[in-house]
Every structure is written in structure tokens, then in C-alpha cells.
Amino acid sequence: MAMVNIRRDVEDKFYRYKMPLLQIKVEGRGNGIKTVVPNMEDIARALNRPPTYPTKYFGCELGAQTSMANDRYIVNGAHTADRLRELLDSFIEQFVLCPSCKNPETELVITGKSGHEDMHRDCKACGRQNGVNMRHKLVAYILKNPVKKKEKGKKGKKGGMTAEANVGGPMVFEKGAEDGSGEDEDASPSGTPAPGDQGVPTTGTDIDDVLGRSDPVLGNPDEAEEVSKKLAKTDLNGDDDEDEDADSPYALLGGWLEDNKDASDADIIEKIKEYGIAGKYKVLVEIGHHLFSDEVAKEITKRIPLIQALVTSEKHQKGLLGGLERLLALSPNSDALLAAGTTSKVLMELYQADILDEEFVKNWGTHVSKKYVDKEKSKKVRKSADAFLKWLDEADDESESE
């Protein structure tokens, strides 16, 4: 991995503070084109900031929407690596470096009461406290999504010190240091808001613990990633082989969704918790099959935050598409829906929201399955997705040629 000095005006190759060189990948085309920063978490770790902060900064400076779910950091539109590197330098200058000693060993500290907050950079090298430009749009985002201050000198099971306990030496971050679990899959990379930051509790597998507030985090798409990570810990990899009889919790959920299509995201989450199936991929089958009507191409947009929080693995993606496959194939108006390219429209919405991975959806489009409907119906559903799948292939060809 190519490394550069955090202060790119410093040419000394022995400069101790380094970060990975920002990389980009442009995906899609037309109105769906977007720029992905695949190594944003590594960069953020080196800067001791959450990866959401520089990503949001890019969006503020470029006037573009950003997406930060499922460990992917995206800026809508096509942007060059050089342009984003310039903006990263600007972010570092305004929100990382100490203005007094130009050292990056700082942390953002918020003071004051709600509505009257102030923010400054607390430098661990020289001890100075310097303010930030409170009029910048990113400040409002940081105030809503602060990083919880870690306890100094705290060790995880692996013996890794948190950033604050390591001042004076190279910045070292260890997974598992925040909660002492020592388990990589349950730990957030340092510099990323860990469970427990941004208002998400660190213990318990109850969905009440995930939401932790009367105004659910699902109402804010920028925070859906944190809910998604917490839900992933409940029972993401369970076999989930319960019988699908009329009394199964999935059948009960499906029936409830049929009768309550206008239910709020919070009510749906509460019902999933009530049935004891939080984190199960089959929940997504019921969501896809029973939450929507023949107007699914329009209805799915308002459910994006809910789906982002529930889809935590490829298995969940399969469950969601399986449910949608049943919806489209078993509808009395199936032929009309598929002829109108409804499948392509729905896939586009899910892809642009970064719910579906590109390689996964390509594989889905070329592998007919009889798991959710019979093979003939499965073929028809995939045929209706031709326009979207062709769009993906053409977008890849354009990216390669560029």
C-alpha cells in the first residue's frame, strides 16, 4: 500500500506521520455514477478520525450526496483521485492538524450545551487548544455524530492501547481495544465510530439496545451503518433453518406486514424483535415479499434506511432479492410488472443506496434458482433485470477504458 505524509507539504521521507494514498473507484454511469473510496477506513485510522467525517467533508465541498453504509464510503458523481486528495488535504488542515505546531496528534473536543456547542482541536503534542471553523457544514454533522472519548490508558484483550494512551509514539490502533472483546468481527477499526459511539450501545443483542432511543436511528440514513453493524452481531450467521409453517415467526411477520404496509420503520423493527428473529436473513425474505405492493419501484425508496440497517451480509442480500422475486413473480399482475422492467428499477434503487454489491447482483442475474419460486418464474424475474445488468456491464467497460 502506497503511503504518503499526512502533511503533504512535508517532503521528508522519514516524517513519522503517514497515511495510505487515497484511492478511488468510479462505478456506474449517467445519473447513477458514483465514486467509491475503498481505503477510506485505513486513511481515517491514520488520522484518528471516523471515516464518515472526511467522506461527509467531500460531500459538503463538492455539493454531492454521500453514502456511508456497509463499510463503503461513496460520493455521488465522478470525481478524480487528485481532486479528492486535494479535499482530503483541506480536511486535514481544518479538522486534524494543530494550527500551532502542525502536528496531527489531535482530537476533536465538543463543549457547551445542545444548541450552543463549540468545538476545538486538543493537541496532545503541544497542549494547545485551537478552534475550528464553526460555520463549515461538516461541523453540524460532527455535532450530531460525535466520537465518544475513550478512557486513557485503556487496554483491550490483545494488549493494544487506544490512540490517546499512545501519544508520543506512532499512532497505533488495535481492534478489540474499545470493548476488550479481542474479536475482529465484533470490533470497529480504530478511527471508525465503534459501537458505543454516536449513541449506539455496546452491550446486548436486543434491538432496543440497537436503537437506544425513541426516535430511531433508522430515520437518519447517514447513521444506518451503525445500526447495521450492531444488528450484525445478533445472529447474522445462524443456520436459520426453522420450518416455514403457518405458525413460524417468519409467517407471522409476513402476515403482519401484509396488513401493515404503512407501518413506520420503528414499528417494523419492534415487531421483528417481538418475534425473536432479529438479525435473521429470512426477515429480509418477508420484507421483500410482503412489505411492498405492485408499486414497489416507487415504494422501496422510502424504506431504504430500514433495509440498509437490516442487510448486514451477502446472505441478507439473497434473502431480500428472494422476497422481491416472490413479490414480482407471484403477483396477479406479474406479467405487466416484469414487462415494465420493474425488477431493473428496484435493483437500481437498491444498488445506488449501496445495499446490493455489484458482483453479487451480477451473479444473481446469471444464476436461476428455484429456492423462492419455480425456475420458469425465476427466469422471467431475471429477464426483467436485463436493462440493469446491461447497465452495470457497460459502466464497467467505460471505467476500464478510462
Protein backbone atom coordinates (compact mmCIF):
# COMPACT_ATOMS: atom_id res chain seq x y z
CA MET A 1 0.00 0.00 0.00
CA ALA A 2 1.43 3.35 -1.06
CA MET A 3 1.97 5.65 1.93
CA VAL A 4 2.27 9.42 1.94
CA ASN A 5 2.98 12.01 4.60
CA ILE A 6 -0.15 13.25 6.36
CA ARG A 7 1.22 16.72 5.77
CA ARG A 8 1.86 16.53 2.07
CA ASP A 9 3.80 19.80 2.16
CA VAL A 10 6.47 17.88 4.13
CA GLU A 11 8.81 16.03 1.78
CA ASP A 12 10.93 14.36 4.46
CA LYS A 13 10.68 10.62 3.79
CA PHE A 14 11.35 9.95 7.49
CA TYR A 15 8.37 12.05 8.60
CA ARG A 16 6.70 9.86 11.21
CA TYR A 17 3.04 10.62 10.45
CA LYS A 18 1.90 8.80 7.36
CA MET A 19 -1.36 7.63 5.81
CA PRO A 20 -2.32 5.50 2.79
CA LEU A 21 -2.57 7.33 -0.52
CA LEU A 22 -6.26 7.88 -1.25
CA GLN A 23 -7.57 5.53 -3.94
CA ILE A 24 -10.83 5.75 -5.86
CA LYS A 25 -13.06 3.55 -7.97
CA VAL A 26 -15.71 5.11 -10.23
CA GLU A 27 -18.79 2.92 -10.59
CA GLY A 28 -22.00 3.21 -12.61
CA ARG A 29 -22.90 5.67 -15.33
CA GLY A 30 -25.30 8.52 -16.06
CA ASN A 31 -27.27 9.66 -13.03
CA GLY A 32 -26.11 6.58 -11.13
CA ILE A 33 -22.38 7.26 -11.37
CA LYS A 34 -20.54 7.36 -8.04
CA THR A 35 -17.01 7.48 -6.68
CA VAL A 36 -16.03 4.89 -4.08
CA VAL A 37 -13.05 5.38 -1.75
CA PRO A 38 -12.09 1.75 -0.96
CA ASN A 39 -9.35 2.61 1.55
CA MET A 40 -11.17 5.34 3.48
CA GLU A 41 -11.12 3.33 6.73
CA ASP A 42 -7.33 2.94 6.52
CA ILE A 43 -6.93 6.68 5.91
CA ALA A 44 -9.26 7.55 8.77
CA ARG A 45 -7.39 5.22 11.11
CA ALA A 46 -4.15 7.07 10.37
CA LEU A 47 -5.86 10.41 11.02
CA ASN A 48 -7.58 9.21 14.21
CA ARG A 49 -10.94 10.32 12.83
CA PRO A 50 -14.07 8.36 11.86
CA PRO A 51 -14.16 7.60 8.11
CA THR A 52 -17.57 9.26 7.95
CA TYR A 53 -16.01 12.68 8.64
CA PRO A 54 -13.74 13.04 5.57
CA THR A 55 -16.41 11.36 3.39
CA LYS A 56 -19.01 13.88 4.54
CA TYR A 57 -16.47 16.66 4.05
CA PHE A 58 -16.10 15.63 0.40
CA GLY A 59 -19.85 15.83 0.00
CA CYS A 60 -20.01 19.27 1.61
CA GLU A 61 -17.24 20.67 -0.59
CA LEU A 62 -18.48 19.08 -3.81
CA GLY A 63 -22.18 19.66 -3.22
CA ALA A 64 -22.74 15.91 -3.64
CA GLN A 65 -24.65 13.32 -1.68
CA THR A 66 -22.63 10.75 0.23
CA SER A 67 -23.33 7.18 1.29
CA MET A 68 -21.59 5.51 4.21
CA ALA A 69 -23.19 2.10 4.72
CA ASN A 70 -21.89 -1.46 4.78
CA ASP A 71 -18.26 -0.30 5.11
CA ARG A 72 -18.35 1.51 1.75
CA TYR A 73 -17.68 5.23 1.52
CA ILE A 74 -19.20 6.83 -1.56
CA VAL A 75 -19.53 10.29 -3.08
CA ASN A 76 -22.14 10.63 -5.78
CA GLY A 77 -20.79 11.70 -9.17
CA ALA A 78 -17.49 11.08 -10.95
CA HIS A 79 -14.51 12.65 -9.20
CA THR A 80 -10.80 12.28 -9.85
CA ALA A 81 -8.35 10.96 -7.29
CA ASP A 82 -6.37 14.20 -7.47
CA ARG A 83 -9.44 16.29 -6.64
CA LEU A 84 -10.37 14.15 -3.64
CA ARG A 85 -6.75 14.15 -2.43
CA GLU A 86 -6.81 17.96 -2.50
CA LEU A 87 -10.01 17.95 -0.46
CA LEU A 88 -8.52 15.43 1.96
CA ASP A 89 -5.57 17.77 2.48
CA SER A 90 -8.06 20.56 3.19
CA PHE A 91 -9.94 18.37 5.69
CA ILE A 92 -6.67 17.53 7.44
CA GLU A 93 -5.75 21.22 7.60
CA GLN A 94 -9.10 22.24 9.10
CA PHE A 95 -10.04 19.28 11.31
CA VAL A 96 -6.86 17.32 12.12
CA LEU A 97 -3.66 19.37 12.25
CA CYS A 98 -2.86 21.56 15.22
CA PRO A 99 -2.56 25.15 13.88
CA SER A 100 0.13 25.88 16.45
CA CYS A 101 2.61 23.02 15.92
CA LYS A 102 1.18 21.45 12.72
CA ASN A 103 1.11 18.07 14.47
CA PRO A 104 -1.73 15.61 13.66
CA GLU A 105 -1.90 14.23 17.21
CA THR A 106 -5.17 15.97 17.99
CA GLU A 107 -8.67 15.01 18.96
CA LEU A 108 -11.90 16.93 18.42
CA VAL A 109 -13.46 18.12 21.66
CA ILE A 110 -17.03 19.43 21.88
CA THR A 111 -18.03 21.73 24.73
CA GLY A 112 -21.19 23.59 25.65
CA LYS A 113 -24.84 22.60 25.76
CA SER A 114 -27.12 21.50 22.94
CA GLY A 115 -27.70 24.38 20.55
CA HIS A 116 -24.71 26.28 21.91
CA GLU A 117 -21.85 23.86 21.29
CA ASP A 118 -18.29 24.81 20.50
CA MET A 119 -15.56 22.60 19.08
CA HIS A 120 -11.78 22.70 19.21
CA ARG A 121 -8.75 20.57 18.38
CA ASP A 122 -6.98 19.41 21.53
CA CYS A 123 -3.31 18.84 20.62
CA LYS A 124 -1.56 16.07 22.55
CA ALA A 125 1.83 17.21 21.29
CA CYS A 126 1.98 20.88 22.30
CA GLY A 127 -1.04 21.09 24.61
CA ARG A 128 -2.72 23.92 22.68
CA GLN A 129 -6.46 24.04 22.06
CA ASN A 130 -7.40 25.58 18.74
CA GLY A 131 -10.88 26.17 17.41
CA VAL A 132 -12.39 25.05 14.11
CA ASN A 133 -14.50 26.97 11.62
CA MET A 134 -17.92 26.52 13.23
CA ARG A 135 -19.64 27.76 10.09
CA HIS A 136 -18.46 24.84 7.99
CA LYS A 137 -21.26 22.42 7.08
CA LEU A 138 -19.28 19.46 8.40
CA VAL A 139 -19.41 20.88 11.92
CA ALA A 140 -23.18 20.31 12.14
CA TYR A 141 -22.65 16.67 11.13
CA ILE A 142 -19.88 16.15 13.71
CA LEU A 143 -22.02 17.69 16.47
CA LYS A 144 -24.78 15.20 15.65
CA ASN A 145 -22.34 12.31 15.33
CA PRO A 146 -19.58 12.86 17.91
CA VAL A 147 -16.91 10.32 18.72
CA LYS A 148 -17.13 9.18 22.31
CA LYS A 149 -13.94 9.99 24.15
CA LYS A 150 -12.07 6.83 25.11
CA GLU A 151 -10.59 6.22 28.53
CA LYS A 152 -6.90 6.97 28.63
CA GLY A 153 -4.60 4.02 29.04
CA LYS A 154 -7.37 1.50 28.37
CA LYS A 155 -6.23 -1.85 27.06
CA GLY A 156 -8.08 -4.47 25.09
CA LYS A 157 -7.57 -8.20 25.40
CA LYS A 158 -4.89 -8.08 22.76
CA GLY A 159 -2.99 -5.51 24.79
CA GLY A 160 -3.42 -2.76 22.19
CA MET A 161 -3.54 0.75 23.57
CA THR A 162 -6.08 3.27 22.41
CA ALA A 163 -4.84 6.28 20.48
CA GLU A 164 -4.94 8.60 23.48
CA ALA A 165 -2.69 6.27 25.51
CA ASN A 166 -0.15 6.18 22.76
CA VAL A 167 0.63 9.88 22.46
CA GLY A 168 4.30 10.48 21.98
CA GLY A 169 4.80 7.39 19.82
CA PRO A 170 3.45 6.30 16.46
CA MET A 171 -0.34 6.16 16.32
CA VAL A 172 -1.23 2.52 16.94
CA PHE A 173 -4.77 1.17 16.87
CA GLU A 174 -5.85 -2.33 17.81
CA LYS A 175 -9.17 -3.96 17.01
CA GLY A 176 -10.95 -5.03 20.16
CA ALA A 177 -9.29 -2.33 22.27
CA GLU A 178 -12.55 -0.46 22.74
CA ASP A 179 -14.64 -3.17 24.33
CA GLY A 180 -11.99 -5.69 25.29
CA SER A 181 -13.56 -8.39 23.16
CA GLY A 182 -10.49 -9.17 21.09
CA GLU A 183 -12.77 -10.48 18.31
CA ASP A 184 -12.08 -8.90 14.93
CA GLU A 185 -15.55 -9.40 13.54
CA ASP A 186 -17.10 -7.60 16.51
CA ALA A 187 -14.67 -4.72 16.56
CA SER A 188 -14.75 -1.49 14.63
CA PRO A 189 -11.48 -0.30 13.10
CA SER A 190 -9.95 2.46 15.17
CA GLY A 191 -10.82 5.81 13.73
CA THR A 192 -14.26 4.37 12.88
CA PRO A 193 -17.06 5.12 15.33
CA ALA A 194 -17.21 1.89 17.32
CA PRO A 195 -20.44 0.50 18.70
CA GLY A 196 -20.99 2.70 21.70
CA ASP A 197 -20.10 5.87 19.73
CA GLN A 198 -22.78 8.02 18.13
CA GLY A 199 -25.33 6.78 20.64
CA VAL A 200 -25.23 3.07 19.80
CA PRO A 201 -24.88 0.88 22.91
CA THR A 202 -22.04 -1.61 23.16
CA THR A 203 -23.78 -4.42 25.00
CA GLY A 204 -26.81 -6.61 24.50
CA THR A 205 -28.33 -8.09 21.37
CA ASP A 206 -31.86 -6.76 21.84
CA ILE A 207 -32.99 -4.39 19.10
CA ASP A 208 -33.98 -1.94 21.83
CA ASP A 209 -30.24 -1.79 22.58
CA VAL A 210 -29.55 -1.19 18.91
CA LEU A 211 -31.93 1.71 18.57
CA GLY A 212 -31.48 3.02 22.09
CA ARG A 213 -33.80 5.96 21.55
CA SER A 214 -37.45 6.75 20.96
CA ASP A 215 -36.58 8.48 17.69
CA PRO A 216 -34.98 5.53 15.86
CA VAL A 217 -31.60 5.92 14.23
CA LEU A 218 -33.23 4.48 11.09
CA GLY A 219 -34.67 7.91 10.42
CA ASN A 220 -31.16 9.10 9.51
CA PRO A 221 -29.60 7.23 6.54
CA ASP A 222 -26.14 8.51 7.49
CA GLU A 223 -26.39 6.56 10.78
CA ALA A 224 -27.85 3.36 9.27
CA GLU A 225 -24.35 1.89 9.10
CA GLU A 226 -24.07 1.86 12.90
CA VAL A 227 -27.40 0.10 13.31
CA SER A 228 -26.38 -2.35 10.60
CA LYS A 229 -23.16 -3.22 12.42
CA LYS A 230 -25.00 -3.73 15.71
CA LEU A 231 -27.68 -5.90 14.10
CA ALA A 232 -24.93 -7.97 12.50
CA LYS A 233 -23.88 -9.12 15.98
CA THR A 234 -27.27 -10.56 16.93
CA ASP A 235 -27.44 -13.75 14.86
CA LEU A 236 -26.13 -12.95 11.41
CA ASN A 237 -24.57 -16.33 10.73
CA GLY A 238 -27.18 -18.58 12.31
CA ASP A 239 -28.40 -21.54 10.26
CA ASP A 240 -31.92 -20.10 10.34
CA ASP A 241 -33.45 -23.41 9.28
CA GLU A 242 -36.73 -23.08 11.17
CA ASP A 243 -39.71 -24.62 9.41
CA GLU A 244 -41.72 -22.15 7.39
CA ASP A 245 -45.12 -23.29 8.68
CA ALA A 246 -48.07 -21.04 9.35
CA ASP A 247 -47.06 -20.61 12.98
CA SER A 248 -43.40 -19.77 12.36
CA PRO A 249 -42.28 -16.28 13.39
CA TYR A 250 -41.49 -15.52 9.74
CA ALA A 251 -45.02 -16.40 8.60
CA LEU A 252 -46.41 -14.28 11.42
CA LEU A 253 -44.18 -11.37 10.44
CA GLY A 254 -45.20 -11.74 6.78
CA GLY A 255 -48.89 -11.68 7.70
CA TRP A 256 -48.39 -8.64 9.89
CA LEU A 257 -46.53 -6.80 7.11
CA GLU A 258 -49.34 -7.57 4.65
CA ASP A 259 -51.80 -5.88 7.00
CA ASN A 260 -49.48 -3.01 7.98
CA LYS A 261 -47.67 -1.88 4.83
CA ASP A 262 -47.74 1.71 6.08
CA ALA A 263 -46.12 0.87 9.41
CA SER A 264 -43.16 3.00 10.43
CA ASP A 265 -39.62 1.63 10.35
CA ALA A 266 -39.59 1.71 14.15
CA ASP A 267 -42.78 -0.35 14.36
CA ILE A 268 -41.38 -2.93 11.93
CA ILE A 269 -38.18 -3.20 13.98
CA GLU A 270 -40.25 -3.62 17.13
CA LYS A 271 -42.27 -6.43 15.51
CA ILE A 272 -39.09 -8.22 14.37
CA LYS A 273 -37.81 -8.01 17.94
CA GLU A 274 -41.10 -9.26 19.33
CA TYR A 275 -40.90 -12.40 17.15
CA GLY A 276 -37.31 -13.04 18.26
CA ILE A 277 -35.82 -13.08 14.74
CA ALA A 278 -33.52 -10.04 14.82
CA GLY A 279 -30.53 -10.45 12.51
CA LYS A 280 -32.01 -13.42 10.60
CA TYR A 281 -31.74 -13.31 6.82
CA LYS A 282 -35.26 -14.72 6.41
CA VAL A 283 -36.59 -11.47 7.83
CA LEU A 284 -35.50 -9.90 4.54
CA VAL A 285 -37.47 -12.51 2.58
CA GLU A 286 -40.63 -11.40 4.38
CA ILE A 287 -39.74 -7.72 3.98
CA GLY A 288 -39.25 -8.12 0.22
CA HIS A 289 -42.35 -10.26 -0.28
CA HIS A 290 -44.92 -8.65 1.99
CA LEU A 291 -43.98 -5.03 2.76
CA PHE A 292 -44.49 -3.77 -0.80
CA SER A 293 -47.23 -3.77 -3.41
CA ASP A 294 -47.20 -3.67 -7.21
CA GLU A 295 -45.86 -0.11 -6.81
CA VAL A 296 -42.65 -1.47 -5.29
CA ALA A 297 -40.43 0.55 -7.65
CA LYS A 298 -41.76 3.72 -6.01
CA GLU A 299 -42.37 2.41 -2.51
CA ILE A 300 -38.90 0.99 -1.92
CA THR A 301 -37.27 4.44 -1.87
CA LYS A 302 -38.80 5.41 1.47
CA ARG A 303 -37.71 2.08 3.00
CA ILE A 304 -34.03 2.44 2.12
CA PRO A 305 -32.90 3.33 5.70
CA LEU A 306 -34.74 0.30 7.10
CA ILE A 307 -33.28 -2.07 4.51
CA GLN A 308 -29.78 -0.63 4.95
CA ALA A 309 -29.95 -1.43 8.65
CA LEU A 310 -31.29 -4.96 8.16
CA VAL A 311 -28.99 -6.08 5.32
CA THR A 312 -25.71 -6.98 7.02
CA SER A 313 -24.28 -9.71 4.78
CA GLU A 314 -24.49 -11.31 1.35
CA LYS A 315 -26.89 -13.85 2.83
CA HIS A 316 -29.22 -10.98 3.72
CA GLN A 317 -28.93 -9.60 0.18
CA LYS A 318 -30.01 -13.01 -1.14
CA GLY A 319 -32.95 -13.07 1.24
CA LEU A 320 -34.08 -9.61 0.17
CA LEU A 321 -33.92 -10.45 -3.53
CA GLY A 322 -35.65 -13.76 -2.83
CA GLY A 323 -38.56 -11.93 -1.22
CA LEU A 324 -38.76 -9.41 -4.06
CA GLU A 325 -38.64 -12.32 -6.52
CA ARG A 326 -41.71 -13.79 -4.85
CA LEU A 327 -43.46 -10.42 -4.86
CA LEU A 328 -42.92 -9.88 -8.59
CA ALA A 329 -43.39 -13.46 -9.75
CA LEU A 330 -46.49 -14.28 -7.70
CA SER A 331 -48.38 -11.01 -8.19
CA PRO A 332 -51.63 -11.28 -10.21
CA ASN A 333 -50.11 -8.53 -12.38
CA SER A 334 -46.75 -10.30 -12.69
CA ASP A 335 -46.53 -10.22 -16.49
CA ALA A 336 -47.22 -6.49 -16.65
CA LEU A 337 -44.79 -5.72 -13.83
CA LEU A 338 -41.95 -7.71 -15.38
CA ALA A 339 -42.64 -6.37 -18.88
CA ALA A 340 -42.34 -2.84 -17.47
CA GLY A 341 -38.82 -3.61 -16.19
CA THR A 342 -39.85 -3.32 -12.54
CA THR A 343 -37.02 -5.62 -11.48
CA SER A 344 -34.42 -3.33 -13.07
CA LYS A 345 -35.92 -0.26 -11.40
CA VAL A 346 -35.92 -1.88 -7.96
CA LEU A 347 -32.35 -3.18 -8.36
CA MET A 348 -31.19 0.29 -9.40
CA GLU A 349 -32.66 1.83 -6.23
CA LEU A 350 -31.01 -0.80 -4.02
CA TYR A 351 -27.68 -0.57 -5.84
CA GLN A 352 -27.50 3.22 -5.68
CA ALA A 353 -28.25 3.02 -1.94
CA ASP A 354 -25.27 0.66 -1.69
CA ILE A 355 -27.42 -2.17 -0.35
CA LEU A 356 -26.52 -4.59 -3.15
CA ASP A 357 -22.91 -5.36 -4.05
CA GLU A 358 -22.10 -5.20 -7.74
CA GLU A 359 -20.55 -8.66 -8.03
CA PHE A 360 -23.34 -10.22 -6.01
CA VAL A 361 -26.12 -8.80 -8.16
CA LYS A 362 -24.30 -9.81 -11.36
CA ASN A 363 -24.02 -13.35 -10.06
CA TRP A 364 -27.69 -13.33 -9.06
CA GLY A 365 -28.66 -12.23 -12.56
CA THR A 366 -26.93 -15.19 -14.23
CA HIS A 367 -27.92 -17.97 -11.81
CA VAL A 368 -31.55 -19.04 -11.93
CA SER A 369 -32.77 -20.54 -8.64
CA LYS A 370 -35.87 -22.42 -7.55
CA LYS A 371 -35.45 -21.59 -3.87
CA TYR A 372 -38.12 -18.89 -3.78
CA VAL A 373 -40.24 -19.51 -6.91
CA ASP A 374 -40.20 -22.15 -9.63
CA LYS A 375 -37.46 -21.93 -12.27
CA GLU A 376 -39.65 -20.54 -15.05
CA LYS A 377 -40.81 -17.65 -12.90
CA SER A 378 -37.26 -17.14 -11.65
CA LYS A 379 -36.06 -16.81 -15.25
CA LYS A 380 -38.74 -14.22 -16.00
CA VAL A 381 -37.76 -12.11 -13.00
CA ARG A 382 -34.11 -12.13 -14.06
CA LYS A 383 -35.09 -11.35 -17.65
CA SER A 384 -36.83 -8.24 -16.34
CA ALA A 385 -33.49 -7.22 -14.80
CA ASP A 386 -31.67 -7.26 -18.16
CA ALA A 387 -31.64 -3.48 -18.50
CA PHE A 388 -29.98 -3.02 -15.12
CA LEU A 389 -27.47 -5.84 -15.62
CA LYS A 390 -26.54 -4.44 -19.04
CA TRP A 391 -26.08 -1.02 -17.47
CA LEU A 392 -23.66 -2.50 -14.93
CA ASP A 393 -21.61 -4.21 -17.66
CA GLU A 394 -21.43 -1.05 -19.78
CA ALA A 395 -20.42 1.01 -16.77
CA ASP A 396 -17.57 -1.43 -16.04
CA ASP A 397 -16.42 -1.26 -19.66
CA GLU A 398 -16.37 2.54 -19.54
CA SER A 399 -14.44 2.55 -16.26
CA GLU A 400 -11.83 0.19 -17.69
CA SER A 401 -11.44 2.25 -20.87
CA GLU A 402 -11.00 5.43 -18.81
